[in-house]
C-alpha atoms as a PDB file:
ATOM      1  CA  MET A   1    -212.495  61.659 -24.599  1.00  0.00           C
ATOM      2  CA  ILE A   2    -211.441  65.243 -23.902  1.00  0.00           C
ATOM      3  CA  PHE A   3    -210.609  65.899 -27.571  1.00  0.00           C
ATOM      4  CA  GLU A   4    -213.793  64.202 -28.747  1.00  0.00           C
ATOM      5  CA  ASN A   5    -215.895  66.385 -26.460  1.00  0.00           C
ATOM      6  CA  LEU A   6    -214.063  69.573 -27.443  1.00  0.00           C
ATOM      7  CA  HIS A   7    -214.460  68.777 -31.135  1.00  0.00           C
ATOM      8  CA  ALA A   8    -218.207  68.296 -30.630  1.00  0.00           C
ATOM      9  CA  ASP A   9    -218.461  71.500 -28.562  1.00  0.00           C
ATOM     10  CA  ILE A  10    -216.748  73.655 -31.176  1.00  0.00           C
ATOM     11  CA  ALA A  11    -218.494  72.000 -34.132  1.00  0.00           C
ATOM     12  CA  ARG A  12    -221.890  72.622 -32.595  1.00  0.00           C
ATOM     13  CA  LYS A  13    -221.077  76.246 -31.795  1.00  0.00           C
ATOM     14  CA  LYS A  14    -220.039  76.784 -35.420  1.00  0.00           C
ATOM     15  CA  GLN A  15    -223.535  75.728 -36.477  1.00  0.00           C
ATOM     16  CA  TRP A  16    -224.946  78.733 -34.645  1.00  0.00           C
ATOM     17  CA  TYR A  17    -222.731  80.958 -36.819  1.00  0.00           C
ATOM     18  CA  ARG A  18    -223.570  79.167 -40.057  1.00  0.00           C
ATOM     19  CA  ARG A  19    -224.041  82.448 -41.966  1.00  0.00           C
ATOM     20  CA  ASP A  20    -220.343  83.200 -41.382  1.00  0.00           C
ATOM     21  CA  GLN A  21    -218.967  79.724 -41.989  1.00  0.00           C
ATOM     22  CA  GLN A  22    -217.617  80.793 -45.367  1.00  0.00           C
ATOM     23  CA  SER A  23    -215.501  83.468 -43.709  1.00  0.00           C
ATOM     24  CA  PRO A  24    -212.006  82.531 -42.473  1.00  0.00           C
ATOM     25  CA  LEU A  25    -212.673  84.652 -39.386  1.00  0.00           C
ATOM     26  CA  SER A  26    -215.713  82.621 -38.315  1.00  0.00           C
ATOM     27  CA  ILE A  27    -213.683  79.837 -36.708  1.00  0.00           C
ATOM     28  CA  LEU A  28    -211.600  82.433 -34.841  1.00  0.00           C
ATOM     29  CA  HIS A  29    -214.795  84.030 -33.572  1.00  0.00           C
ATOM     30  CA  VAL A  30    -215.924  80.653 -32.227  1.00  0.00           C
ATOM     31  CA  ILE A  31    -212.624  79.495 -30.718  1.00  0.00           C
ATOM     32  CA  PHE A  32    -211.667  82.758 -29.012  1.00  0.00           C
ATOM     33  CA  SER A  33    -215.082  83.704 -27.689  1.00  0.00           C
ATOM     34  CA  PRO A  34    -215.237  83.829 -23.856  1.00  0.00           C
ATOM     35  CA  GLY A  35    -217.704  80.949 -23.695  1.00  0.00           C
ATOM     36  CA  THR A  36    -215.484  78.635 -25.720  1.00  0.00           C
ATOM     37  CA  ILE A  37    -212.411  79.528 -23.666  1.00  0.00           C
ATOM     38  CA  ALA A  38    -214.284  78.675 -20.461  1.00  0.00           C
ATOM     39  CA  VAL A  39    -215.470  75.356 -21.903  1.00  0.00           C
ATOM     40  CA  VAL A  40    -211.945  74.400 -23.018  1.00  0.00           C
ATOM     41  CA  VAL A  41    -210.546  75.146 -19.553  1.00  0.00           C
ATOM     42  CA  TYR A  42    -213.375  73.169 -17.941  1.00  0.00           C
ATOM     43  CA  ARG A  43    -212.775  70.154 -20.208  1.00  0.00           C
ATOM     44  CA  TYR A  44    -209.088  70.113 -19.311  1.00  0.00           C
ATOM     45  CA  GLY A  45    -209.752  70.597 -15.595  1.00  0.00           C
ATOM     46  CA  HIS A  46    -212.390  67.853 -15.562  1.00  0.00           C
ATOM     47  CA  TRP A  47    -210.017  65.466 -17.322  1.00  0.00           C
ATOM     48  CA  ALA A  48    -207.204  66.233 -14.866  1.00  0.00           C
ATOM     49  CA  HIS A  49    -209.559  65.984 -11.886  1.00  0.00           C
ATOM     50  CA  ASN A  50    -210.522  62.427 -12.842  1.00  0.00           C
ATOM     51  CA  LEU A  51    -206.997  61.077 -13.246  1.00  0.00           C
ATOM     52  CA  ARG A  52    -206.498  58.132 -10.901  1.00  0.00           C
ATOM     53  CA  ASN A  53    -202.772  58.529 -10.347  1.00  0.00           C
ATOM     54  CA  PRO A  54    -202.388  61.109  -7.525  1.00  0.00           C
ATOM     55  CA  LEU A  55    -199.014  62.288  -8.789  1.00  0.00           C
ATOM     56  CA  LEU A  56    -200.216  62.795 -12.365  1.00  0.00           C
ATOM     57  CA  LYS A  57    -203.398  64.385 -11.074  1.00  0.00           C
ATOM     58  CA  ALA A  58    -201.454  66.970  -9.071  1.00  0.00           C
ATOM     59  CA  LEU A  59    -199.065  67.567 -11.976  1.00  0.00           C
ATOM     60  CA  PHE A  60    -201.746  68.128 -14.605  1.00  0.00           C
ATOM     61  CA  LYS A  61    -204.025  70.166 -12.354  1.00  0.00           C
ATOM     62  CA  MET A  62    -201.265  72.695 -11.679  1.00  0.00           C
ATOM     63  CA  PRO A  63    -201.662  74.431 -15.108  1.00  0.00           C
ATOM     64  CA  TYR A  64    -205.422  74.436 -14.554  1.00  0.00           C
ATOM     65  CA  TRP A  65    -205.173  76.243 -11.222  1.00  0.00           C
ATOM     66  CA  LEU A  66    -202.704  78.744 -12.702  1.00  0.00           C
ATOM     67  CA  VAL A  67    -204.968  79.572 -15.638  1.00  0.00           C
ATOM     68  CA  LEU A  68    -208.322  79.434 -13.828  1.00  0.00           C
ATOM     69  CA  PRO A  69    -208.173  82.853 -12.059  1.00  0.00           C
ATOM     70  CA  TRP A  70    -207.367  84.576 -15.344  1.00  0.00           C
ATOM     71  CA  VAL A  71    -210.175  82.769 -17.160  1.00  0.00           C
ATOM     72  CA  ILE A  72    -212.706  83.633 -14.451  1.00  0.00           C
ATOM     73  CA  SER A  73    -211.567  87.264 -14.496  1.00  0.00           C
ATOM     74  CA  LEU A  74    -211.770  87.423 -18.303  1.00  0.00           C
ATOM     75  CA  THR A  75    -215.001  85.522 -18.890  1.00  0.00           C
ATOM     76  CA  GLN A  76    -216.755  85.671 -15.498  1.00  0.00           C
ATOM     77  CA  ILE A  77    -217.630  82.017 -16.008  1.00  0.00           C
ATOM     78  CA  ARG A  78    -216.968  79.372 -13.354  1.00  0.00           C
ATOM     79  CA  ILE A  79    -217.556  75.681 -14.090  1.00  0.00           C
ATOM     80  CA  SER A  80    -216.677  73.144 -11.413  1.00  0.00           C
ATOM     81  CA  THR A  81    -214.349  70.345 -12.472  1.00  0.00           C
ATOM     82  CA  ARG A  82    -216.769  67.996 -10.707  1.00  0.00           C
ATOM     83  CA  ALA A  83    -219.518  68.842 -13.182  1.00  0.00           C
ATOM     84  CA  LYS A  84    -220.314  66.090 -15.685  1.00  0.00           C
ATOM     85  CA  ILE A  85    -221.211  67.667 -19.010  1.00  0.00           C
ATOM     86  CA  GLY A  86    -221.890  65.783 -22.223  1.00  0.00           C
ATOM     87  CA  LYS A  87    -220.507  66.710 -25.624  1.00  0.00           C
ATOM     88  CA  GLY A  88    -221.914  69.539 -27.679  1.00  0.00           C
ATOM     89  CA  PHE A  89    -221.852  71.965 -24.727  1.00  0.00           C
ATOM     90  CA  VAL A  90    -222.125  75.584 -25.884  1.00  0.00           C
ATOM     91  CA  ILE A  91    -221.913  78.837 -23.928  1.00  0.00           C
ATOM     92  CA  HIS A  92    -223.069  81.961 -25.767  1.00  0.00           C
ATOM     93  CA  GLY A  93    -222.165  85.292 -24.284  1.00  0.00           C
ATOM     94  CA  PHE A  94    -220.380  85.516 -20.949  1.00  0.00           C
ATOM     95  CA  SER A  95    -220.557  87.036 -17.453  1.00  0.00           C
ATOM     96  CA  GLY A  96    -222.169  85.679 -14.317  1.00  0.00           C
ATOM     97  CA  ILE A  97    -222.303  81.998 -15.324  1.00  0.00           C
ATOM     98  CA  ILE A  98    -221.842  79.514 -12.477  1.00  0.00           C
ATOM     99  CA  ILE A  99    -222.138  75.734 -12.843  1.00  0.00           C
ATOM    100  CA  THR A 100    -221.415  73.552  -9.831  1.00  0.00           C
ATOM    101  CA  ASP A 101    -221.113  69.771  -9.794  1.00  0.00           C
ATOM    102  CA  ALA A 102    -224.253  69.226 -11.863  1.00  0.00           C
ATOM    103  CA  THR A 103    -224.834  66.441 -14.372  1.00  0.00           C
ATOM    104  CA  ILE A 104    -225.682  67.770 -17.833  1.00  0.00           C
ATOM    105  CA  GLY A 105    -226.481  65.773 -20.952  1.00  0.00           C
ATOM    106  CA  GLU A 106    -225.451  66.383 -24.547  1.00  0.00           C
ATOM    107  CA  ASN A 107    -226.085  69.519 -26.621  1.00  0.00           C
ATOM    108  CA  CYS A 108    -226.765  71.901 -23.744  1.00  0.00           C
ATOM    109  CA  THR A 109    -226.872  75.620 -24.566  1.00  0.00           C
ATOM    110  CA  VAL A 110    -226.221  78.261 -21.923  1.00  0.00           C
ATOM    111  CA  TYR A 111    -226.491  82.046 -22.092  1.00  0.00           C
ATOM    112  CA  GLN A 112    -225.236  84.776 -19.751  1.00  0.00           C
ATOM    113  CA  GLN A 113    -226.147  85.033 -16.041  1.00  0.00           C
ATOM    114  CA  VAL A 114    -227.110  81.345 -15.810  1.00  0.00           C
ATOM    115  CA  THR A 115    -226.669  79.463 -12.536  1.00  0.00           C
ATOM    116  CA  ILE A 116    -226.857  75.687 -12.134  1.00  0.00           C
ATOM    117  CA  GLY A 117    -226.203  74.547  -8.590  1.00  0.00           C
ATOM    118  CA  ARG A 118    -227.268  73.182  -5.238  1.00  0.00           C
ATOM    119  CA  GLY A 119    -229.850  74.893  -3.076  1.00  0.00           C
ATOM    120  CA  ARG A 120    -227.563  74.771  -0.034  1.00  0.00           C
ATOM    121  CA  PRO A 121    -223.869  74.062   0.452  1.00  0.00           C
ATOM    122  CA  TYR A 122    -222.763  70.664   1.698  1.00  0.00           C
ATOM    123  CA  ARG A 123    -219.849  69.222   3.583  1.00  0.00           C
ATOM    124  CA  GLY A 124    -218.658  65.665   3.176  1.00  0.00           C
ATOM    125  CA  LYS A 125    -219.887  62.650   1.223  1.00  0.00           C
ATOM    126  CA  ALA A 126    -222.883  61.938   3.463  1.00  0.00           C
ATOM    127  CA  ARG A 127    -224.465  65.359   2.970  1.00  0.00           C
ATOM    128  CA  GLU A 128    -223.677  65.234  -0.738  1.00  0.00           C
ATOM    129  CA  LYS A 129    -225.932  62.194  -1.062  1.00  0.00           C
ATOM    130  CA  LEU A 130    -228.693  63.994   0.818  1.00  0.00           C
ATOM    131  CA  ARG A 131    -228.447  67.085  -1.372  1.00  0.00           C
ATOM    132  CA  PRO A 132    -227.752  65.930  -4.923  1.00  0.00           C
ATOM    133  CA  PRO A 133    -227.060  68.601  -7.562  1.00  0.00           C
ATOM    134  CA  PRO A 134    -229.296  69.307 -10.583  1.00  0.00           C
ATOM    135  CA  ARG A 135    -229.435  66.744 -13.379  1.00  0.00           C
ATOM    136  CA  LEU A 136    -230.175  67.967 -16.889  1.00  0.00           C
ATOM    137  CA  GLY A 137    -231.034  65.822 -19.891  1.00  0.00           C
ATOM    138  CA  ASP A 138    -230.057  66.228 -23.540  1.00  0.00           C
ATOM    139  CA  ASN A 139    -230.847  69.285 -25.698  1.00  0.00           C
ATOM    140  CA  VAL A 140    -231.549  71.675 -22.817  1.00  0.00           C
ATOM    141  CA  PHE A 141    -231.631  75.416 -23.577  1.00  0.00           C
ATOM    142  CA  LEU A 142    -231.036  77.853 -20.706  1.00  0.00           C
ATOM    143  CA  ALA A 143    -231.837  81.426 -21.704  1.00  0.00           C
ATOM    144  CA  ALA A 144    -230.205  84.506 -20.160  1.00  0.00           C
ATOM    145  CA  GLY A 145    -230.601  84.723 -16.401  1.00  0.00           C
ATOM    146  CA  ALA A 146    -232.073  81.245 -15.959  1.00  0.00           C
ATOM    147  CA  LYS A 147    -231.463  79.521 -12.612  1.00  0.00           C
ATOM    148  CA  VAL A 148    -231.628  75.783 -11.904  1.00  0.00           C
ATOM    149  CA  ILE A 149    -231.385  75.233  -8.170  1.00  0.00           C
ATOM    150  CA  GLY A 150    -231.365  72.173  -5.940  1.00  0.00           C
ATOM    151  CA  ASP A 151    -232.292  68.531  -6.340  1.00  0.00           C
ATOM    152  CA  VAL A 152    -234.161  68.801  -9.643  1.00  0.00           C
ATOM    153  CA  VAL A 153    -234.219  66.687 -12.782  1.00  0.00           C
ATOM    154  CA  ILE A 154    -234.775  68.380 -16.144  1.00  0.00           C
ATOM    155  CA  GLY A 155    -235.810  66.130 -19.011  1.00  0.00           C
ATOM    156  CA  ASN A 156    -234.707  66.150 -22.647  1.00  0.00           C
ATOM    157  CA  ASN A 157    -235.589  68.934 -25.116  1.00  0.00           C
ATOM    158  CA  VAL A 158    -236.441  71.515 -22.448  1.00  0.00           C
ATOM    159  CA  VAL A 159    -236.302  75.292 -22.890  1.00  0.00           C
ATOM    160  CA  VAL A 160    -235.939  77.407 -19.735  1.00  0.00           C
ATOM    161  CA  GLY A 161    -236.962  80.981 -20.458  1.00  0.00           C
ATOM    162  CA  ALA A 162    -235.022  84.103 -19.535  1.00  0.00           C
ATOM    163  CA  ASN A 163    -234.777  84.887 -15.798  1.00  0.00           C
ATOM    164  CA  SER A 164    -236.775  81.783 -14.890  1.00  0.00           C
ATOM    165  CA  VAL A 165    -236.023  79.895 -11.671  1.00  0.00           C
ATOM    166  CA  VAL A 166    -236.358  76.106 -11.785  1.00  0.00           C
ATOM    167  CA  ILE A 167    -236.845  74.555  -8.342  1.00  0.00           C
ATOM    168  CA  ARG A 168    -238.958  71.552  -9.387  1.00  0.00           C
ATOM    169  CA  SER A 169    -238.254  68.698 -11.798  1.00  0.00           C
ATOM    170  CA  LEU A 170    -239.446  69.065 -15.396  1.00  0.00           C
ATOM    171  CA  PRO A 171    -240.608  66.457 -17.942  1.00  0.00           C
ATOM    172  CA  ASP A 172    -239.293  66.034 -21.480  1.00  0.00           C
ATOM    173  CA  ASN A 173    -240.238  68.318 -24.366  1.00  0.00           C
ATOM    174  CA  CYS A 174    -241.502  71.439 -22.619  1.00  0.00           C
ATOM    175  CA  THR A 175    -240.871  75.169 -22.366  1.00  0.00           C
ATOM    176  CA  VAL A 176    -240.954  76.800 -18.920  1.00  0.00           C
ATOM    177  CA  MET A 177    -240.971  80.406 -17.748  1.00  0.00           C
ATOM    178  CA  GLY A 178    -241.462  82.345 -14.550  1.00  0.00           C
ATOM    179  CA  VAL A 179    -240.432  82.453 -10.890  1.00  0.00           C
ATOM    180  CA  PRO A 180    -240.842  79.676  -9.997  1.00  0.00           C
ATOM    181  CA  ALA A 181    -240.757  78.222 -13.492  1.00  0.00           C
ATOM    182  CA  ARG A 182    -243.951  76.677 -14.819  1.00  0.00           C
ATOM    183  CA  ILE A 183    -244.721  74.903 -18.069  1.00  0.00           C
ATOM    184  CA  VAL A 184    -246.078  77.275 -20.719  1.00  0.00           C
ATOM    185  CA  TRP A 185    -245.670  75.044 -23.762  1.00  0.00           C
ATOM    186  CA  ARG A 186    -245.542  71.289 -24.244  1.00  0.00           C
ATOM    187  CA  ASP A 187    -244.184  69.191 -27.080  1.00  0.00           C
ATOM    188  CA  THR A 188    -241.212  71.539 -27.522  1.00  0.00           C
ATOM    189  CA  ARG A 189    -238.704  70.589 -30.207  1.00  0.00           C
ATOM    190  CA  TRP A 190    -236.320  73.525 -29.870  1.00  0.00           C
ATOM    191  CA  LEU A 191    -233.316  71.705 -31.341  1.00  0.00           C
ATOM    192  CA  THR A 192    -235.134  70.972 -34.603  1.00  0.00           C
ATOM    193  CA  GLU A 193    -236.735  74.444 -34.673  1.00  0.00           C
ATOM    194  CA  LYS A 194    -233.386  76.193 -34.153  1.00  0.00           C
ATOM    195  CA  PRO A 195    -232.513  76.753 -37.869  1.00  0.00           C
ATOM    196  CA  ASP A 196    -235.438  79.227 -38.035  1.00  0.00           C
ATOM    197  CA  ILE A 197    -234.214  81.297 -35.094  1.00  0.00           C
ATOM    198  CA  PHE A 198    -231.590  83.359 -36.907  1.00  0.00           C
ATOM    199  CA  ASP A 199    -233.404  83.831 -40.217  1.00  0.00           C
ATOM    200  CA  GLY A 200    -234.399  87.357 -39.214  1.00  0.00           C
ATOM    201  CA  ASP A 201    -238.031  86.464 -38.625  1.00  0.00           C
ATOM    202  CA  SER A 202    -238.947  87.634 -35.122  1.00  0.00           C
ATOM    203  CA  GLN A 203    -242.174  85.660 -35.183  1.00  0.00           C
ATOM    204  CA  LYS A 204    -240.289  82.430 -35.770  1.00  0.00           C
ATOM    205  CA  GLU A 205    -237.852  83.343 -33.027  1.00  0.00           C
ATOM    206  CA  SER A 206    -240.562  83.960 -30.450  1.00  0.00           C
ATOM    207  CA  ARG A 207    -242.260  80.690 -31.408  1.00  0.00           C
ATOM    208  CA  ALA A 208    -239.045  78.691 -31.090  1.00  0.00           C
ATOM    209  CA  LEU A 209    -238.100  80.160 -27.698  1.00  0.00           C
END
C-alpha cells in the first residue's frame, strides 16, 4: 500500500510539470522538492505507525523519528502519522504546512501555509470522539494560506481560496473564499479544468481557481 500510494503521489505531481516531462531533470525536480520529501516521510511514518506488532512498530518508527526533525527543519512541513490521506496527495511549495490527524481523500492538492487540524487540543480517546478532526473528500484544492479547522466535512471537488478559513462543512463541487469561508461558485470542476491553468492564460487561471 505504501508503494502504491507513493507511486500515485509522484505520478500526479509530474502531471503538474507536464511541460518539462521531456526533460531528464523533471523527475528530479519532482522527487527532491520539499513537498515530495515531506509526503514520502509521512507515508513511511504512517505505515510504521499502523504496524500491529509492537516490536516491529518500535523498530521501524526509529528511522522516522531520527529523520523527522531534519525534514521539518528543511521543509517546514509537519504531517501527523495519524492522518489518513488517500493516494495522489501533492504538496506544492513548502513552509508553514501543518496537517494533524485529519482524514483526506484522494487527489488532494496543498500549497504553502496551509493548516488542517482540530479547533482545540484533546486528551484521551473520549475527548477525541467529541472533537473529531476535519474530513476532506476527493479532489480538494487548498490554496496558499488556507485553514481548515475543527469538526468540518469538506465534500468532493472543492476549491478553498487563498487565506480562507473553513470552520463549517462544505458540499461537493464548490469554490469558497473568505474569513470565514463562504461559497462563491458552485458546480466547480477544478480537476478537469486544471489543464488550462498553466497554459499562460491568466483569464483561464482565474476562472479555474
